[in-house]
N, C-alpha and C. Protein backbone atom coordinates (compact mmCIF):
# COMPACT_ATOMS: atom_id res chain seq x y z
N MET A 1 43.41 14.39 63.08
CA MET A 1 42.96 14.84 62.14
C MET A 1 43.37 15.97 61.74
N TYR A 2 43.77 16.94 60.46
CA TYR A 2 44.07 18.56 60.31
C TYR A 2 43.61 18.89 58.89
N ALA A 3 43.18 20.67 59.03
CA ALA A 3 42.39 21.26 58.48
C ALA A 3 43.14 21.88 57.71
N VAL A 4 42.97 22.30 56.69
CA VAL A 4 43.47 23.80 56.02
C VAL A 4 42.27 24.53 55.67
N VAL A 5 41.75 25.65 55.85
CA VAL A 5 40.67 26.44 55.95
C VAL A 5 41.51 27.65 55.33
N SER A 6 39.97 28.12 54.50
CA SER A 6 40.55 29.23 53.52
C SER A 6 39.44 30.58 53.26
N THR A 7 39.75 31.38 53.41
CA THR A 7 39.16 32.52 54.02
C THR A 7 39.37 33.71 53.01
N TRP A 8 37.75 33.92 52.41
CA TRP A 8 37.58 34.73 51.43
C TRP A 8 37.01 35.83 51.47
N TYR A 9 36.84 37.11 50.93
CA TYR A 9 35.72 38.24 51.21
C TYR A 9 35.78 38.89 49.41
N GLY A 10 35.04 38.21 48.74
CA GLY A 10 34.50 39.10 47.46
C GLY A 10 32.82 39.20 47.08
N SER A 11 32.78 39.67 45.80
CA SER A 11 31.37 40.62 45.40
C SER A 11 30.50 39.38 45.24
N ARG A 12 29.16 40.08 45.55
CA ARG A 12 27.94 38.56 45.40
C ARG A 12 28.31 38.28 44.13
N GLY A 13 28.39 38.57 43.10
CA GLY A 13 28.52 37.69 42.02
C GLY A 13 29.41 36.63 41.90
N GLU A 14 30.56 37.35 42.53
CA GLU A 14 31.54 35.91 42.60
C GLU A 14 31.67 34.91 43.54
N MET A 15 30.60 35.29 44.56
CA MET A 15 30.15 34.54 45.66
C MET A 15 29.14 33.28 44.56
N GLU A 16 28.81 33.84 43.81
CA GLU A 16 27.84 32.95 43.15
C GLU A 16 27.98 31.57 42.37
N THR A 17 29.28 32.24 42.25
CA THR A 17 30.16 30.88 41.36
C THR A 17 31.34 29.89 42.41
N LEU A 18 30.97 30.45 43.13
CA LEU A 18 32.01 29.15 44.33
C LEU A 18 31.03 27.85 44.17
N VAL A 19 30.42 27.25 44.32
CA VAL A 19 29.31 26.05 44.31
C VAL A 19 29.94 25.60 43.26
N PRO A 20 30.01 25.60 42.01
CA PRO A 20 29.95 25.17 40.48
C PRO A 20 32.02 24.78 40.86
N ARG A 21 32.82 25.94 41.06
CA ARG A 21 33.82 25.49 40.97
C ARG A 21 34.31 24.72 42.30
N PHE A 22 33.62 24.90 43.98
CA PHE A 22 33.91 24.12 44.80
C PHE A 22 33.71 22.46 44.86
N ARG A 23 32.57 22.04 43.91
CA ARG A 23 32.26 20.57 43.26
C ARG A 23 33.32 20.03 42.50
N SER A 24 33.65 20.87 41.50
CA SER A 24 34.48 20.64 40.34
C SER A 24 36.70 20.32 40.58
N ILE A 25 36.70 21.11 41.75
CA ILE A 25 38.46 21.21 42.70
C ILE A 25 38.18 19.83 42.79
N VAL A 26 36.40 19.42 44.12
CA VAL A 26 36.60 18.59 45.32
C VAL A 26 36.73 17.06 44.27
N ASP A 27 36.27 17.13 43.39
CA ASP A 27 36.43 15.74 42.22
C ASP A 27 37.96 15.60 42.32
N GLU A 28 38.79 16.71 41.79
CA GLU A 28 39.40 16.16 41.89
C GLU A 28 40.77 15.59 43.03
N VAL A 29 40.32 16.98 44.34
CA VAL A 29 40.55 16.52 45.94
C VAL A 29 40.77 14.94 46.24
N CYS A 30 39.71 14.75 46.27
CA CYS A 30 39.56 13.78 46.90
C CYS A 30 40.16 12.21 46.53
N LEU A 31 40.72 12.17 45.42
CA LEU A 31 41.23 11.58 44.61
C LEU A 31 42.91 11.39 45.91
N ARG A 32 43.21 12.34 46.26
CA ARG A 32 44.31 12.25 46.90
C ARG A 32 44.58 11.32 48.37
N PRO A 33 46.21 10.59 48.92
CA PRO A 33 45.44 10.03 49.66
C PRO A 33 45.82 10.81 51.02
N GLY A 34 44.31 10.48 52.00
CA GLY A 34 44.71 11.24 53.38
C GLY A 34 43.48 12.18 52.92
N PHE A 35 43.27 11.90 52.07
CA PHE A 35 41.79 12.90 52.28
C PHE A 35 40.87 12.53 53.04
N LEU A 36 39.79 13.17 54.05
CA LEU A 36 39.04 12.67 54.72
C LEU A 36 37.44 13.90 53.87
N GLY A 37 38.08 15.07 53.71
CA GLY A 37 36.82 15.79 53.04
C GLY A 37 36.89 17.41 53.46
N ALA A 38 35.84 17.96 52.75
CA ALA A 38 35.29 18.82 52.13
C ALA A 38 34.08 20.06 52.43
N GLU A 39 34.22 21.30 52.32
CA GLU A 39 33.21 22.31 52.71
C GLU A 39 33.66 22.90 52.39
N LEU A 40 31.83 23.72 51.58
CA LEU A 40 32.68 25.50 51.30
C LEU A 40 31.39 26.23 52.35
N MET A 41 31.06 27.04 53.21
CA MET A 41 30.70 28.24 53.70
C MET A 41 30.58 29.64 53.03
N VAL A 42 29.19 29.80 53.41
CA VAL A 42 29.27 30.93 52.84
C VAL A 42 28.14 32.10 53.95
N ASP A 43 29.04 33.18 53.96
CA ASP A 43 28.17 34.56 54.25
C ASP A 43 27.29 35.28 53.21
N ARG A 44 26.45 35.09 52.39
CA ARG A 44 26.05 36.23 51.72
C ARG A 44 26.40 37.60 52.32
N GLU A 45 25.52 38.04 53.71
CA GLU A 45 25.28 39.83 53.49
C GLU A 45 26.70 39.65 53.42
N ALA A 46 27.33 39.10 54.25
CA ALA A 46 29.44 39.61 54.71
C ALA A 46 30.33 39.10 53.27
N ASN A 47 29.06 38.58 52.16
CA ASN A 47 30.21 38.26 51.22
C ASN A 47 31.09 37.75 51.28
N LYS A 48 31.01 36.99 52.41
CA LYS A 48 32.41 36.11 52.98
C LYS A 48 32.51 34.39 52.98
N ALA A 49 33.11 33.99 52.46
CA ALA A 49 32.95 32.05 52.25
C ALA A 49 34.36 31.26 52.82
N LEU A 50 33.63 30.58 53.69
CA LEU A 50 35.01 29.52 54.37
C LEU A 50 34.87 28.46 53.21
N ALA A 51 36.46 27.92 52.98
CA ALA A 51 36.54 26.42 52.75
C ALA A 51 37.15 25.70 53.71
N ARG A 52 37.08 24.01 54.02
CA ARG A 52 37.77 23.66 55.17
C ARG A 52 37.99 22.07 53.94
N CYS A 53 38.99 22.07 54.31
CA CYS A 53 39.60 21.14 54.07
C CYS A 53 40.30 19.72 54.62
N LEU A 54 39.79 18.68 54.55
CA LEU A 54 40.26 17.96 56.23
C LEU A 54 40.89 16.36 55.81
N TRP A 55 42.06 16.19 56.49
CA TRP A 55 43.07 15.37 56.47
C TRP A 55 43.25 14.29 57.05
N GLU A 56 44.10 12.99 57.23
CA GLU A 56 43.45 11.82 58.12
C GLU A 56 45.15 12.02 59.23
N SER A 57 45.40 12.48 58.36
CA SER A 57 46.95 13.19 59.47
C SER A 57 47.95 14.59 58.66
N GLU A 58 48.80 14.85 59.46
CA GLU A 58 49.75 15.90 59.16
C GLU A 58 50.53 15.31 57.99
N ALA A 59 51.31 14.38 58.01
CA ALA A 59 51.73 14.07 56.66
C ALA A 59 50.90 13.86 54.89
N ALA A 60 49.94 13.28 55.47
CA ALA A 60 48.80 13.99 54.34
C ALA A 60 48.53 14.87 53.60
N MET A 61 48.50 16.06 54.67
CA MET A 61 48.48 17.48 54.41
C MET A 61 49.49 17.67 53.86
N GLY A 62 50.75 17.96 54.90
CA GLY A 62 51.67 18.24 54.18
C GLY A 62 52.36 18.26 52.78
N ALA A 63 51.90 16.51 52.46
CA ALA A 63 51.96 16.01 51.41
C ALA A 63 51.51 16.13 49.99
N SER A 64 50.66 16.85 49.84
CA SER A 64 49.46 17.62 49.38
C SER A 64 49.28 18.90 48.90
N SER A 65 50.15 19.32 48.02
CA SER A 65 50.38 21.08 47.28
C SER A 65 49.06 21.64 47.25
N CYS A 66 48.30 20.21 47.32
CA CYS A 66 47.18 20.92 46.72
C CYS A 66 46.31 21.71 48.10
N CYS A 67 46.58 21.72 48.83
CA CYS A 67 45.37 22.42 50.11
C CYS A 67 45.68 23.79 49.66
N GLU A 68 46.39 24.86 49.44
CA GLU A 68 46.60 26.22 49.12
C GLU A 68 45.55 26.40 47.26
N VAL A 69 46.46 25.28 46.84
CA VAL A 69 45.77 25.48 45.17
C VAL A 69 44.30 25.15 45.00
N PHE A 70 43.57 24.50 46.38
CA PHE A 70 41.84 24.21 46.83
C PHE A 70 41.55 26.10 47.19
N GLY A 71 42.67 26.03 48.01
CA GLY A 71 41.88 27.37 48.54
C GLY A 71 42.39 28.65 47.21
N ARG A 72 43.09 28.58 46.42
CA ARG A 72 43.63 29.39 45.33
C ARG A 72 42.72 29.29 44.30
N ASP A 73 42.16 28.20 43.58
CA ASP A 73 41.04 27.83 42.56
C ASP A 73 40.30 28.14 42.95
N LEU A 74 39.64 27.72 43.87
CA LEU A 74 38.58 28.16 44.57
C LEU A 74 37.32 29.58 43.87
N PHE A 75 39.17 30.42 44.74
CA PHE A 75 38.53 31.92 44.81
C PHE A 75 39.12 32.35 43.48
N ALA A 76 39.55 31.50 42.36
CA ALA A 76 40.89 32.49 41.79
C ALA A 76 40.05 34.02 40.14
N GLY A 77 40.51 34.39 40.49
CA GLY A 77 40.03 35.82 39.44
C GLY A 77 39.56 36.56 41.04
N ALA A 78 39.56 36.43 42.19
CA ALA A 78 39.24 37.74 42.93
C ALA A 78 39.87 37.78 44.01
N SER A 79 39.77 38.44 45.26
CA SER A 79 40.51 38.54 46.30
C SER A 79 41.43 37.41 46.48
N GLU A 80 42.78 37.00 47.29
CA GLU A 80 43.11 35.87 47.44
C GLU A 80 43.00 36.14 48.68
N PRO A 81 42.88 34.63 48.85
CA PRO A 81 42.67 33.92 50.23
C PRO A 81 43.89 34.04 51.10
N THR A 82 42.71 33.43 52.74
CA THR A 82 44.07 33.65 53.53
C THR A 82 43.65 32.11 53.65
N ILE A 83 44.84 31.65 53.30
CA ILE A 83 44.96 30.21 54.24
C ILE A 83 45.30 29.59 55.12
N GLU A 84 45.35 29.17 56.53
CA GLU A 84 45.55 28.44 57.82
C GLU A 84 45.47 26.81 57.50
N ARG A 85 46.65 26.21 58.55
CA ARG A 85 46.90 25.01 58.66
C ARG A 85 46.21 24.61 60.29
N PHE A 86 45.27 23.69 60.74
CA PHE A 86 45.50 23.86 61.77
C PHE A 86 45.35 21.86 61.86
N GLU A 87 45.22 21.78 63.37
CA GLU A 87 45.42 20.60 64.31
C GLU A 87 43.93 20.42 64.57
N VAL A 88 43.20 19.08 63.90
CA VAL A 88 41.69 18.80 64.70
C VAL A 88 41.82 18.19 66.29
N VAL A 89 41.43 19.09 67.41
CA VAL A 89 41.55 18.34 68.55
C VAL A 89 40.38 18.12 69.21
N ALA A 90 39.44 18.45 68.39
CA ALA A 90 37.90 18.12 69.63
C ALA A 90 36.86 17.63 67.70
N SER A 91 35.92 17.29 67.94
CA SER A 91 35.04 16.95 66.93
C SER A 91 34.26 16.04 67.24
N VAL A 92 33.07 16.67 67.03
CA VAL A 92 31.77 15.76 66.90
C VAL A 92 30.17 16.18 65.71
N SER A 93 30.02 15.26 65.08
CA SER A 93 29.38 14.95 64.03
C SER A 93 28.13 14.33 64.33
N GLY A 94 26.79 14.61 63.51
CA GLY A 94 26.02 13.86 63.68
C GLY A 94 25.39 12.74 62.73
N VAL A 95 24.25 12.80 62.06
CA VAL A 95 23.57 12.16 61.07
C VAL A 95 24.30 12.96 59.74
N SER A 96 25.38 12.53 58.92
CA SER A 96 25.34 13.57 58.07
C SER A 96 24.66 13.40 57.11
N THR A 97 24.11 14.28 55.87
CA THR A 97 23.28 14.68 55.35
C THR A 97 23.92 15.98 53.85
N PRO A 98 23.81 15.42 53.18
CA PRO A 98 24.45 15.82 51.91
C PRO A 98 23.85 17.49 51.21
N VAL A 99 24.16 19.01 51.20
CA VAL A 99 24.13 19.69 51.03
C VAL A 99 23.37 20.24 49.55
């Protein structure tokens, strides 16, 4: 499994627009072959957000230009996000509960 992680710092007002944008972007990204899931995490006190997009293989992640687009569109109009790619080498999950 592979992950693209976008890190962003912005204002409190910009932070409030992230959830609706995240949902609309994920609706499009989830149609891509190899897409496994995405998460949006925020630290409201630090005005920091992380978005994680998971792919079943490096090929699926690399074939989809939407990795970078996902981060840039999500944080559009704000400071440029830092976008990094990782191989997921260990993962543990419990019961899935949508937020």
